[in-house]
């Protein structure tokens, strides 16, 4: 996993048609599984904004995170706040934006 995280940190996010969206900013891991659930893409002039990108359905490798979403959808995605953790509500909002399902974790799934 550490090697995968190092590779992700230097990757570029591209859209479903190969358009460059931006470089990876932050990496978010699921608290329960430890798996990568989101990355952020640095977008806008000089990468001043960071937006969330779900890794569900993405192809990751060779320095790229190829998301299955259009570049305009990703560039207008919810932006990163200063908090380095996502609440279940924030995660649900991001997934809803991308048209992905969100299942609220139960106490049993966290153990």
PDB file of N, CA and C in Angstrom:
ATOM      1  N   UNK A   1       0.805  -1.211   0.000  1.00  0.00           N
ATOM      2  CA  UNK A   1       0.000   0.000   0.000  1.00  0.00           C
ATOM      3  C   UNK A   1       0.846   1.273   0.000  1.00  0.00           C
ATOM      4  N   UNK A   2       1.953   1.336   0.777  1.00  0.00           N
ATOM      5  CA  UNK A   2       2.755   2.564   0.736  1.00  0.00           C
ATOM      6  C   UNK A   2       3.260   2.893  -0.667  1.00  0.00           C
ATOM      7  N   UNK A   3       3.657   1.882  -1.448  1.00  0.00           N
ATOM      8  CA  UNK A   3       4.112   2.136  -2.815  1.00  0.00           C
ATOM      9  C   UNK A   3       2.989   2.723  -3.658  1.00  0.00           C
ATOM     10  N   UNK A   4       1.769   2.161  -3.505  1.00  0.00           N
ATOM     11  CA  UNK A   4       0.628   2.671  -4.266  1.00  0.00           C
ATOM     12  C   UNK A   4       0.353   4.126  -3.895  1.00  0.00           C
ATOM     13  N   UNK A   5       0.435   4.457  -2.621  1.00  0.00           N
ATOM     14  CA  UNK A   5       0.192   5.835  -2.189  1.00  0.00           C
ATOM     15  C   UNK A   5       1.257   6.778  -2.742  1.00  0.00           C
ATOM     16  N   UNK A   6       2.521   6.342  -2.729  1.00  0.00           N
ATOM     17  CA  UNK A   6       3.591   7.171  -3.302  1.00  0.00           C
ATOM     18  C   UNK A   6       3.356   7.427  -4.781  1.00  0.00           C
ATOM     19  N   UNK A   7       2.926   6.396  -5.517  1.00  0.00           N
ATOM     20  CA  UNK A   7       2.645   6.558  -6.938  1.00  0.00           C
ATOM     21  C   UNK A   7       1.469   7.496  -7.163  1.00  0.00           C
ATOM     22  N   UNK A   8       0.436   7.372  -6.332  1.00  0.00           N
ATOM     23  CA  UNK A   8      -0.725   8.247  -6.464  1.00  0.00           C
ATOM     24  C   UNK A   8      -0.357   9.709  -6.241  1.00  0.00           C
ATOM     25  N   UNK A   9       0.517   9.971  -5.283  1.00  0.00           N
ATOM     26  CA  UNK A   9       0.883  11.352  -4.946  1.00  0.00           C
ATOM     27  C   UNK A   9       1.500  12.105  -6.127  1.00  0.00           C
ATOM     28  N   UNK A  10       2.091  11.373  -7.057  1.00  0.00           N
ATOM     29  CA  UNK A  10       2.738  12.014  -8.200  1.00  0.00           C
ATOM     30  C   UNK A  10       1.958  11.795  -9.495  1.00  0.00           C
ATOM     31  N   UNK A  11       0.714  11.359  -9.370  1.00  0.00           N
ATOM     32  CA  UNK A  11      -0.099  11.050 -10.550  1.00  0.00           C
ATOM     33  C   UNK A  11      -0.867  12.271 -11.049  1.00  0.00           C
ATOM     34  N   UNK A  12      -1.395  12.133 -12.254  1.00  0.00           N
ATOM     35  CA  UNK A  12      -2.230  13.145 -12.891  1.00  0.00           C
ATOM     36  C   UNK A  12      -3.606  12.532 -13.100  1.00  0.00           C
ATOM     37  N   UNK A  13      -4.648  13.302 -12.821  1.00  0.00           N
ATOM     38  CA  UNK A  13      -6.025  12.859 -13.040  1.00  0.00           C
ATOM     39  C   UNK A  13      -6.424  13.229 -14.459  1.00  0.00           C
ATOM     40  N   UNK A  14      -6.937  12.240 -15.199  1.00  0.00           N
ATOM     41  CA  UNK A  14      -7.437  12.503 -16.548  1.00  0.00           C
ATOM     42  C   UNK A  14      -8.884  12.040 -16.628  1.00  0.00           C
ATOM     43  N   UNK A  15      -9.609  12.603 -17.586  1.00  0.00           N
ATOM     44  CA  UNK A  15     -11.032  12.283 -17.758  1.00  0.00           C
ATOM     45  C   UNK A  15     -11.198  11.014 -18.573  1.00  0.00           C
ATOM     46  N   UNK A  16     -12.448  10.648 -18.780  1.00  0.00           N
ATOM     47  CA  UNK A  16     -12.766   9.438 -19.537  1.00  0.00           C
ATOM     48  C   UNK A  16     -12.327   9.516 -20.992  1.00  0.00           C
ATOM     49  N   UNK A  17     -12.124  10.746 -21.509  1.00  0.00           N
ATOM     50  CA  UNK A  17     -11.673  10.878 -22.895  1.00  0.00           C
ATOM     51  C   UNK A  17     -10.195  11.247 -23.000  1.00  0.00           C
ATOM     52  N   UNK A  18      -9.475  11.173 -21.871  1.00  0.00           N
ATOM     53  CA  UNK A  18      -8.040  11.432 -21.875  1.00  0.00           C
ATOM     54  C   UNK A  18      -7.642  12.866 -21.633  1.00  0.00           C
ATOM     55  N   UNK A  19      -8.609  13.756 -21.377  1.00  0.00           N
ATOM     56  CA  UNK A  19      -8.308  15.162 -21.105  1.00  0.00           C
ATOM     57  C   UNK A  19      -7.661  15.296 -19.729  1.00  0.00           C
ATOM     58  N   UNK A  20      -6.566  16.057 -19.669  1.00  0.00           N
ATOM     59  CA  UNK A  20      -5.900  16.280 -18.384  1.00  0.00           C
ATOM     60  C   UNK A  20      -6.779  17.186 -17.524  1.00  0.00           C
ATOM     61  N   UNK A  21      -7.011  16.745 -16.281  1.00  0.00           N
ATOM     62  CA  UNK A  21      -7.816  17.526 -15.339  1.00  0.00           C
ATOM     63  C   UNK A  21      -6.911  18.262 -14.365  1.00  0.00           C
ATOM     64  N   UNK A  22      -5.943  17.575 -13.796  1.00  0.00           N
ATOM     65  CA  UNK A  22      -5.019  18.195 -12.850  1.00  0.00           C
ATOM     66  C   UNK A  22      -4.229  17.147 -12.108  1.00  0.00           C
ATOM     67  N   UNK A  23      -3.235  17.590 -11.376  1.00  0.00           N
ATOM     68  CA  UNK A  23      -2.414  16.653 -10.616  1.00  0.00           C
ATOM     69  C   UNK A  23      -3.131  16.267  -9.318  1.00  0.00           C
ATOM     70  N   UNK A  24      -2.755  15.105  -8.792  1.00  0.00           N
ATOM     71  CA  UNK A  24      -3.344  14.630  -7.539  1.00  0.00           C
ATOM     72  C   UNK A  24      -2.845  15.513  -6.402  1.00  0.00           C
ATOM     73  N   UNK A  25      -3.781  15.925  -5.567  1.00  0.00           N
ATOM     74  CA  UNK A  25      -3.442  16.724  -4.393  1.00  0.00           C
ATOM     75  C   UNK A  25      -3.401  15.867  -3.148  1.00  0.00           C
ATOM     76  N   UNK A  26      -4.567  15.501  -2.672  1.00  0.00           N
ATOM     77  CA  UNK A  26      -4.695  14.707  -1.445  1.00  0.00           C
ATOM     78  C   UNK A  26      -5.251  13.328  -1.776  1.00  0.00           C
ATOM     79  N   UNK A  27      -5.023  12.412  -0.843  1.00  0.00           N
ATOM     80  CA  UNK A  27      -5.526  11.044  -0.968  1.00  0.00           C
ATOM     81  C   UNK A  27      -6.335  10.745   0.286  1.00  0.00           C
ATOM     82  N   UNK A  28      -7.551  10.258   0.094  1.00  0.00           N
ATOM     83  CA  UNK A  28      -8.431   9.937   1.215  1.00  0.00           C
ATOM     84  C   UNK A  28      -8.644   8.432   1.282  1.00  0.00           C
ATOM     85  N   UNK A  29      -8.459   7.878   2.485  1.00  0.00           N
ATOM     86  CA  UNK A  29      -8.621   6.448   2.714  1.00  0.00           C
ATOM     87  C   UNK A  29      -9.885   6.185   3.506  1.00  0.00           C
ATOM     88  N   UNK A  30     -10.521   5.056   3.238  1.00  0.00           N
ATOM     89  CA  UNK A  30     -11.675   4.614   4.010  1.00  0.00           C
ATOM     90  C   UNK A  30     -11.192   4.242   5.408  1.00  0.00           C
ATOM     91  N   UNK A  31     -11.879   4.740   6.443  1.00  0.00           N
ATOM     92  CA  UNK A  31     -11.476   4.454   7.823  1.00  0.00           C
ATOM     93  C   UNK A  31     -11.534   2.972   8.149  1.00  0.00           C
ATOM     94  N   UNK A  32     -12.537   2.278   7.635  1.00  0.00           N
ATOM     95  CA  UNK A  32     -12.724   0.864   7.977  1.00  0.00           C
ATOM     96  C   UNK A  32     -11.782  -0.052   7.203  1.00  0.00           C
ATOM     97  N   UNK A  33     -11.665   0.163   5.884  1.00  0.00           N
ATOM     98  CA  UNK A  33     -10.898  -0.773   5.055  1.00  0.00           C
ATOM     99  C   UNK A  33      -9.465  -0.324   4.787  1.00  0.00           C
ATOM    100  N   UNK A  34      -9.187   0.966   4.910  1.00  0.00           N
ATOM    101  CA  UNK A  34      -7.867   1.475   4.594  1.00  0.00           C
ATOM    102  C   UNK A  34      -7.625   1.649   3.106  1.00  0.00           C
ATOM    103  N   UNK A  35      -8.640   1.392   2.284  1.00  0.00           N
ATOM    104  CA  UNK A  35      -8.524   1.519   0.836  1.00  0.00           C
ATOM    105  C   UNK A  35      -8.713   2.977   0.407  1.00  0.00           C
ATOM    106  N   UNK A  36      -8.093   3.344  -0.697  1.00  0.00           N
ATOM    107  CA  UNK A  36      -8.248   4.686  -1.243  1.00  0.00           C
ATOM    108  C   UNK A  36      -9.678   4.829  -1.767  1.00  0.00           C
ATOM    109  N   UNK A  37     -10.369   5.873  -1.329  1.00  0.00           N
ATOM    110  CA  UNK A  37     -11.732   6.111  -1.791  1.00  0.00           C
ATOM    111  C   UNK A  37     -11.847   7.359  -2.656  1.00  0.00           C
ATOM    112  N   UNK A  38     -11.033   8.378  -2.351  1.00  0.00           N
ATOM    113  CA  UNK A  38     -11.044   9.628  -3.106  1.00  0.00           C
ATOM    114  C   UNK A  38      -9.618  10.129  -3.266  1.00  0.00           C
ATOM    115  N   UNK A  39      -9.402  10.849  -4.348  1.00  0.00           N
ATOM    116  CA  UNK A  39      -8.225  11.704  -4.476  1.00  0.00           C
ATOM    117  C   UNK A  39      -8.775  13.089  -4.764  1.00  0.00           C
ATOM    118  N   UNK A  40      -7.930  14.064  -4.636  1.00  0.00           N
ATOM    119  CA  UNK A  40      -8.332  15.394  -5.084  1.00  0.00           C
ATOM    120  C   UNK A  40      -7.501  15.727  -6.309  1.00  0.00           C
ATOM    121  N   UNK A  41      -8.095  16.520  -7.180  1.00  0.00           N
ATOM    122  CA  UNK A  41      -7.407  17.001  -8.369  1.00  0.00           C
ATOM    123  C   UNK A  41      -7.225  18.501  -8.226  1.00  0.00           C
ATOM    124  N   UNK A  42      -6.003  18.957  -8.467  1.00  0.00           N
ATOM    125  CA  UNK A  42      -5.715  20.395  -8.429  1.00  0.00           C
ATOM    126  C   UNK A  42      -6.125  20.964  -9.780  1.00  0.00           C
ATOM    127  N   UNK A  43      -7.134  21.847  -9.756  1.00  0.00           N
ATOM    128  CA  UNK A  43      -7.692  22.399 -10.988  1.00  0.00           C
ATOM    129  C   UNK A  43      -7.658  23.919 -10.946  1.00  0.00           C
ATOM    130  N   UNK A  44      -7.981  24.524 -12.068  1.00  0.00           N
ATOM    131  CA  UNK A  44      -8.015  25.976 -12.147  1.00  0.00           C
ATOM    132  C   UNK A  44      -6.647  26.536 -12.456  1.00  0.00           C
ATOM    133  N   UNK A  45      -6.603  27.836 -12.535  1.00  0.00           N
ATOM    134  CA  UNK A  45      -5.363  28.529 -12.831  1.00  0.00           C
ATOM    135  C   UNK A  45      -4.313  28.194 -11.779  1.00  0.00           C
ATOM    136  N   UNK A  46      -3.209  27.612 -12.180  1.00  0.00           N
ATOM    137  CA  UNK A  46      -2.111  27.220 -11.295  1.00  0.00           C
ATOM    138  C   UNK A  46      -2.525  26.199 -10.243  1.00  0.00           C
ATOM    139  N   UNK A  47      -3.616  25.461 -10.471  1.00  0.00           N
ATOM    140  CA  UNK A  47      -4.043  24.424  -9.534  1.00  0.00           C
ATOM    141  C   UNK A  47      -4.441  24.961  -8.176  1.00  0.00           C
ATOM    142  N   UNK A  48      -5.048  26.141  -8.157  1.00  0.00           N
ATOM    143  CA  UNK A  48      -5.391  26.783  -6.891  1.00  0.00           C
ATOM    144  C   UNK A  48      -6.591  26.147  -6.196  1.00  0.00           C
ATOM    145  N   UNK A  49      -7.427  25.431  -6.947  1.00  0.00           N
ATOM    146  CA  UNK A  49      -8.586  24.764  -6.348  1.00  0.00           C
ATOM    147  C   UNK A  49      -8.329  23.264  -6.339  1.00  0.00           C
ATOM    148  N   UNK A  50      -8.880  22.592  -5.333  1.00  0.00           N
ATOM    149  CA  UNK A  50      -8.815  21.134  -5.282  1.00  0.00           C
ATOM    150  C   UNK A  50     -10.234  20.601  -5.193  1.00  0.00           C
ATOM    151  N   UNK A  51     -10.540  19.661  -6.074  1.00  0.00           N
ATOM    152  CA  UNK A  51     -11.866  19.061  -6.088  1.00  0.00           C
ATOM    153  C   UNK A  51     -11.744  17.562  -5.845  1.00  0.00           C
ATOM    154  N   UNK A  52     -12.805  17.003  -5.282  1.00  0.00           N
ATOM    155  CA  UNK A  52     -12.817  15.577  -4.992  1.00  0.00           C
ATOM    156  C   UNK A  52     -13.088  14.755  -6.237  1.00  0.00           C
ATOM    157  N   UNK A  53     -12.408  13.610  -6.320  1.00  0.00           N
ATOM    158  CA  UNK A  53     -12.610  12.656  -7.401  1.00  0.00           C
ATOM    159  C   UNK A  53     -12.711  11.266  -6.785  1.00  0.00           C
ATOM    160  N   UNK A  54     -13.859  10.592  -6.918  1.00  0.00           N
ATOM    161  CA  UNK A  54     -13.946   9.220  -6.405  1.00  0.00           C
ATOM    162  C   UNK A  54     -13.038   8.304  -7.229  1.00  0.00           C
ATOM    163  N   UNK A  55     -12.431   7.333  -6.589  1.00  0.00           N
ATOM    164  CA  UNK A  55     -11.602   6.391  -7.342  1.00  0.00           C
ATOM    165  C   UNK A  55     -12.404   5.176  -7.800  1.00  0.00           C
ATOM    166  N   UNK A  56     -13.661   5.090  -7.390  1.00  0.00           N
ATOM    167  CA  UNK A  56     -14.519   3.990  -7.851  1.00  0.00           C
ATOM    168  C   UNK A  56     -14.605   4.037  -9.373  1.00  0.00           C
ATOM    169  N   UNK A  57     -14.230   2.951 -10.015  1.00  0.00           N
ATOM    170  CA  UNK A  57     -14.293   2.867 -11.464  1.00  0.00           C
ATOM    171  C   UNK A  57     -13.101   3.474 -12.182  1.00  0.00           C
ATOM    172  N   UNK A  58     -12.159   4.056 -11.433  1.00  0.00           N
ATOM    173  CA  UNK A  58     -10.979   4.672 -12.059  1.00  0.00           C
ATOM    174  C   UNK A  58      -9.930   3.614 -12.377  1.00  0.00           C
ATOM    175  N   UNK A  59      -9.175   3.878 -13.421  1.00  0.00           N
ATOM    176  CA  UNK A  59      -8.011   3.067 -13.769  1.00  0.00           C
ATOM    177  C   UNK A  59      -6.800   3.809 -13.219  1.00  0.00           C
ATOM    178  N   UNK A  60      -6.017   3.137 -12.371  1.00  0.00           N
ATOM    179  CA  UNK A  60      -4.882   3.783 -11.730  1.00  0.00           C
ATOM    180  C   UNK A  60      -3.603   3.054 -12.133  1.00  0.00           C
ATOM    181  N   UNK A  61      -2.655   3.788 -12.652  1.00  0.00           N
ATOM    182  CA  UNK A  61      -1.368   3.212 -13.015  1.00  0.00           C
ATOM    183  C   UNK A  61      -0.628   4.094 -13.991  1.00  0.00           C
ATOM    184  N   UNK A  62       0.667   3.851 -14.106  1.00  0.00           N
ATOM    185  CA  UNK A  62       1.532   4.601 -15.030  1.00  0.00           C
ATOM    186  C   UNK A  62       1.434   6.111 -14.824  1.00  0.00           C
ATOM    187  N   UNK A  63       1.291   6.526 -13.561  1.00  0.00           N
ATOM    188  CA  UNK A  63       1.255   7.948 -13.265  1.00  0.00           C
ATOM    189  C   UNK A  63      -0.056   8.633 -13.571  1.00  0.00           C
ATOM    190  N   UNK A  64      -1.099   7.832 -13.821  1.00  0.00           N
ATOM    191  CA  UNK A  64      -2.403   8.401 -14.168  1.00  0.00           C
ATOM    192  C   UNK A  64      -3.505   7.845 -13.281  1.00  0.00           C
ATOM    193  N   UNK A  65      -4.494   8.677 -13.018  1.00  0.00           N
ATOM    194  CA  UNK A  65      -5.765   8.260 -12.441  1.00  0.00           C
ATOM    195  C   UNK A  65      -6.789   8.599 -13.507  1.00  0.00           C
ATOM    196  N   UNK A  66      -7.212   7.583 -14.252  1.00  0.00           N
ATOM    197  CA  UNK A  66      -8.174   7.802 -15.331  1.00  0.00           C
ATOM    198  C   UNK A  66      -9.576   7.596 -14.774  1.00  0.00           C
ATOM    199  N   UNK A  67     -10.245   8.695 -14.521  1.00  0.00           N
ATOM    200  CA  UNK A  67     -11.583   8.648 -13.947  1.00  0.00           C
ATOM    201  C   UNK A  67     -12.619   8.388 -15.046  1.00  0.00           C
ATOM    202  N   UNK A  68     -13.701   7.717 -14.713  1.00  0.00           N
ATOM    203  CA  UNK A  68     -14.724   7.465 -15.728  1.00  0.00           C
ATOM    204  C   UNK A  68     -15.666   8.647 -15.953  1.00  0.00           C
ATOM    205  N   UNK A  69     -15.286   9.828 -15.483  1.00  0.00           N
ATOM    206  CA  UNK A  69     -16.147  11.007 -15.567  1.00  0.00           C
ATOM    207  C   UNK A  69     -15.583  12.039 -16.541  1.00  0.00           C
ATOM    208  N   UNK A  70     -16.483  12.874 -17.067  1.00  0.00           N
ATOM    209  CA  UNK A  70     -16.093  13.968 -17.962  1.00  0.00           C
ATOM    210  C   UNK A  70     -15.282  15.014 -17.186  1.00  0.00           C
ATOM    211  N   UNK A  71     -14.391  15.686 -17.882  1.00  0.00           N
ATOM    212  CA  UNK A  71     -13.539  16.672 -17.218  1.00  0.00           C
ATOM    213  C   UNK A  71     -14.346  17.832 -16.643  1.00  0.00           C
ATOM    214  N   UNK A  72     -15.404  18.292 -17.339  1.00  0.00           N
ATOM    215  CA  UNK A  72     -16.189  19.414 -16.812  1.00  0.00           C
ATOM    216  C   UNK A  72     -16.930  19.024 -15.543  1.00  0.00           C
ATOM    217  N   UNK A  73     -17.371  17.766 -15.446  1.00  0.00           N
ATOM    218  CA  UNK A  73     -18.037  17.301 -14.229  1.00  0.00           C
ATOM    219  C   UNK A  73     -17.053  17.311 -13.062  1.00  0.00           C
ATOM    220  N   UNK A  74     -15.846  16.801 -13.300  1.00  0.00           N
ATOM    221  CA  UNK A  74     -14.841  16.748 -12.237  1.00  0.00           C
ATOM    222  C   UNK A  74     -14.415  18.158 -11.829  1.00  0.00           C
ATOM    223  N   UNK A  75     -14.183  19.027 -12.781  1.00  0.00           N
ATOM    224  CA  UNK A  75     -13.710  20.372 -12.457  1.00  0.00           C
ATOM    225  C   UNK A  75     -14.722  21.184 -11.659  1.00  0.00           C
ATOM    226  N   UNK A  76     -15.995  20.807 -11.726  1.00  0.00           N
ATOM    227  CA  UNK A  76     -17.039  21.499 -10.962  1.00  0.00           C
ATOM    228  C   UNK A  76     -17.479  20.718  -9.729  1.00  0.00           C
ATOM    229  N   UNK A  77     -16.729  19.694  -9.378  1.00  0.00           N
ATOM    230  CA  UNK A  77     -17.057  18.854  -8.218  1.00  0.00           C
ATOM    231  C   UNK A  77     -16.878  19.636  -6.921  1.00  0.00           C
ATOM    232  N   UNK A  78     -17.426  19.100  -5.819  1.00  0.00           N
ATOM    233  CA  UNK A  78     -17.228  19.765  -4.522  1.00  0.00           C
ATOM    234  C   UNK A  78     -15.744  19.971  -4.231  1.00  0.00           C
ATOM    235  N   UNK A  79     -15.447  21.134  -3.663  1.00  0.00           N
ATOM    236  CA  UNK A  79     -14.060  21.501  -3.360  1.00  0.00           C
ATOM    237  C   UNK A  79     -13.647  21.009  -1.979  1.00  0.00           C
ATOM    238  N   UNK A  80     -12.345  20.896  -1.809  1.00  0.00           N
ATOM    239  CA  UNK A  80     -11.748  20.457  -0.557  1.00  0.00           C
ATOM    240  C   UNK A  80     -11.801  21.590   0.454  1.00  0.00           C
ATOM    241  N   UNK A  81     -12.109  21.224   1.685  1.00  0.00           N
ATOM    242  CA  UNK A  81     -12.031  22.198   2.774  1.00  0.00           C
ATOM    243  C   UNK A  81     -10.690  21.976   3.477  1.00  0.00           C
ATOM    244  N   UNK A  82     -10.466  22.685   4.533  1.00  0.00           N
ATOM    245  CA  UNK A  82      -9.209  22.530   5.272  1.00  0.00           C
ATOM    246  C   UNK A  82      -9.188  21.270   6.125  1.00  0.00           C
ATOM    247  N   UNK A  83     -10.333  20.622   6.270  1.00  0.00           N
ATOM    248  CA  UNK A  83     -10.418  19.406   7.068  1.00  0.00           C
ATOM    249  C   UNK A  83      -9.863  18.234   6.259  1.00  0.00           C
ATOM    250  N   UNK A  84      -9.040  17.421   6.888  1.00  0.00           N
ATOM    251  CA  UNK A  84      -8.428  16.300   6.186  1.00  0.00           C
ATOM    252  C   UNK A  84      -9.241  15.018   6.313  1.00  0.00           C
ATOM    253  N   UNK A  85     -10.410  15.092   6.922  1.00  0.00           N
ATOM    254  CA  UNK A  85     -11.304  13.933   7.055  1.00  0.00           C
ATOM    255  C   UNK A  85     -12.662  14.308   6.501  1.00  0.00           C
ATOM    256  N   UNK A  86     -13.332  13.316   5.943  1.00  0.00           N
ATOM    257  CA  UNK A  86     -14.683  13.521   5.435  1.00  0.00           C
ATOM    258  C   UNK A  86     -15.682  12.918   6.401  1.00  0.00           C
ATOM    259  N   UNK A  87     -16.748  13.636   6.664  1.00  0.00           N
ATOM    260  CA  UNK A  87     -17.845  13.068   7.439  1.00  0.00           C
ATOM    261  C   UNK A  87     -18.667  12.186   6.492  1.00  0.00           C
ATOM    262  N   UNK A  88     -19.464  11.279   7.027  1.00  0.00           N
ATOM    263  CA  UNK A  88     -20.346  10.502   6.144  1.00  0.00           C
ATOM    264  C   UNK A  88     -21.240  11.395   5.286  1.00  0.00           C
ATOM    265  N   UNK A  89     -21.697  12.523   5.832  1.00  0.00           N
ATOM    266  CA  UNK A  89     -22.532  13.441   5.064  1.00  0.00           C
ATOM    267  C   UNK A  89     -21.779  14.062   3.894  1.00  0.00           C
ATOM    268  N   UNK A  90     -20.521  14.453   4.111  1.00  0.00           N
ATOM    269  CA  UNK A  90     -19.709  15.020   3.037  1.00  0.00           C
ATOM    270  C   UNK A  90     -19.431  13.970   1.962  1.00  0.00           C
ATOM    271  N   UNK A  91     -19.123  12.757   2.409  1.00  0.00           N
ATOM    272  CA  UNK A  91     -18.873  11.674   1.455  1.00  0.00           C
ATOM    273  C   UNK A  91     -20.116  11.402   0.616  1.00  0.00           C
ATOM    274  N   UNK A  92     -21.273  11.381   1.258  1.00  0.00           N
ATOM    275  CA  UNK A  92     -22.535  11.153   0.544  1.00  0.00           C
ATOM    276  C   UNK A  92     -22.781  12.255  -0.484  1.00  0.00           C
ATOM    277  N   UNK A  93     -22.500  13.510  -0.112  1.00  0.00           N
ATOM    278  CA  UNK A  93     -22.697  14.633  -1.029  1.00  0.00           C
ATOM    279  C   UNK A  93     -21.818  14.486  -2.277  1.00  0.00           C
ATOM    280  N   UNK A  94     -20.566  14.120  -2.082  1.00  0.00           N
ATOM    281  CA  UNK A  94     -19.642  13.958  -3.212  1.00  0.00           C
ATOM    282  C   UNK A  94     -20.107  12.815  -4.112  1.00  0.00           C
ATOM    283  N   UNK A  95     -20.448  11.686  -3.520  1.00  0.00           N
ATOM    284  CA  UNK A  95     -20.887  10.537  -4.311  1.00  0.00           C
ATOM    285  C   UNK A  95     -22.184  10.850  -5.064  1.00  0.00           C
ATOM    286  N   UNK A  96     -23.097  11.545  -4.405  1.00  0.00           N
ATOM    287  CA  UNK A  96     -24.352  11.949  -5.070  1.00  0.00           C
ATOM    288  C   UNK A  96     -24.059  12.840  -6.274  1.00  0.00           C
ATOM    289  N   UNK A  97     -23.134  13.759  -6.107  1.00  0.00           N
ATOM    290  CA  UNK A  97     -22.760  14.654  -7.199  1.00  0.00           C
ATOM    291  C   UNK A  97     -22.328  13.854  -8.429  1.00  0.00           C
ATOM    292  N   UNK A  98     -21.586  12.788  -8.215  1.00  0.00           N
ATOM    293  CA  UNK A  98     -21.096  11.958  -9.316  1.00  0.00           C
ATOM    294  C   UNK A  98     -22.086  10.866  -9.723  1.00  0.00           C
ATOM    295  N   UNK A  99     -23.252  10.825  -9.070  1.00  0.00           N
ATOM    296  CA  UNK A  99     -24.255   9.821  -9.419  1.00  0.00           C
ATOM    297  C   UNK A  99     -23.913   8.432  -8.919  1.00  0.00           C
ATOM    298  N   UNK A 100     -23.104   8.367  -7.862  1.00  0.00           N
ATOM    299  CA  UNK A 100     -22.698   7.085  -7.295  1.00  0.00           C
ATOM    300  C   UNK A 100     -23.473   6.813  -6.015  1.00  0.00           C
ATOM    301  N   UNK A 101     -23.712   5.534  -5.690  1.00  0.00           N
ATOM    302  CA  UNK A 101     -24.452   5.212  -4.475  1.00  0.00           C
ATOM    303  C   UNK A 101     -23.606   5.420  -3.223  1.00  0.00           C
ATOM    304  N   UNK A 102     -24.283   5.729  -2.137  1.00  0.00           N
ATOM    305  CA  UNK A 102     -23.628   5.846  -0.839  1.00  0.00           C
ATOM    306  C   UNK A 102     -24.396   4.986   0.145  1.00  0.00           C
ATOM    307  N   UNK A 103     -23.678   4.139   0.833  1.00  0.00           N
ATOM    308  CA  UNK A 103     -24.283   3.300   1.869  1.00  0.00           C
ATOM    309  C   UNK A 103     -23.685   3.737   3.192  1.00  0.00           C
ATOM    310  N   UNK A 104     -24.546   4.228   4.055  1.00  0.00           N
ATOM    311  CA  UNK A 104     -24.098   4.695   5.359  1.00  0.00           C
ATOM    312  C   UNK A 104     -23.564   3.521   6.157  1.00  0.00           C
ATOM    313  N   UNK A 105     -22.336   3.616   6.682  1.00  0.00           N
ATOM    314  CA  UNK A 105     -21.789   2.503   7.449  1.00  0.00           C
ATOM    315  C   UNK A 105     -22.571   2.299   8.740  1.00  0.00           C
ATOM    316  N   UNK A 106     -22.709   1.048   9.113  1.00  0.00           N
ATOM    317  CA  UNK A 106     -23.360   0.703  10.377  1.00  0.00           C
ATOM    318  C   UNK A 106     -22.277   0.459  11.403  1.00  0.00           C
ATOM    319  N   UNK A 107     -22.658   0.413  12.674  1.00  0.00           N
ATOM    320  CA  UNK A 107     -21.679   0.129  13.729  1.00  0.00           C
ATOM    321  C   UNK A 107     -21.006  -1.214  13.483  1.00  0.00           C
ATOM    322  N   UNK A 108     -21.746  -2.200  12.961  1.00  0.00           N
ATOM    323  CA  UNK A 108     -21.192  -3.525  12.701  1.00  0.00           C
ATOM    324  C   UNK A 108     -20.112  -3.482  11.629  1.00  0.00           C
ATOM    325  N   UNK A 109     -20.281  -2.626  10.611  1.00  0.00           N
ATOM    326  CA  UNK A 109     -19.311  -2.593   9.516  1.00  0.00           C
ATOM    327  C   UNK A 109     -18.026  -1.882   9.916  1.00  0.00           C
ATOM    328  N   UNK A 110     -18.022  -1.155  11.011  1.00  0.00           N
ATOM    329  CA  UNK A 110     -16.841  -0.449  11.447  1.00  0.00           C
ATOM    330  C   UNK A 110     -15.959  -1.308  12.349  1.00  0.00           C
ATOM    331  N   UNK A 111     -16.433  -2.456  12.748  1.00  0.00           N
ATOM    332  CA  UNK A 111     -15.643  -3.345  13.619  1.00  0.00           C
ATOM    333  C   UNK A 111     -14.960  -4.425  12.834  1.00  0.00           C
TER     334      UNK A 111
END
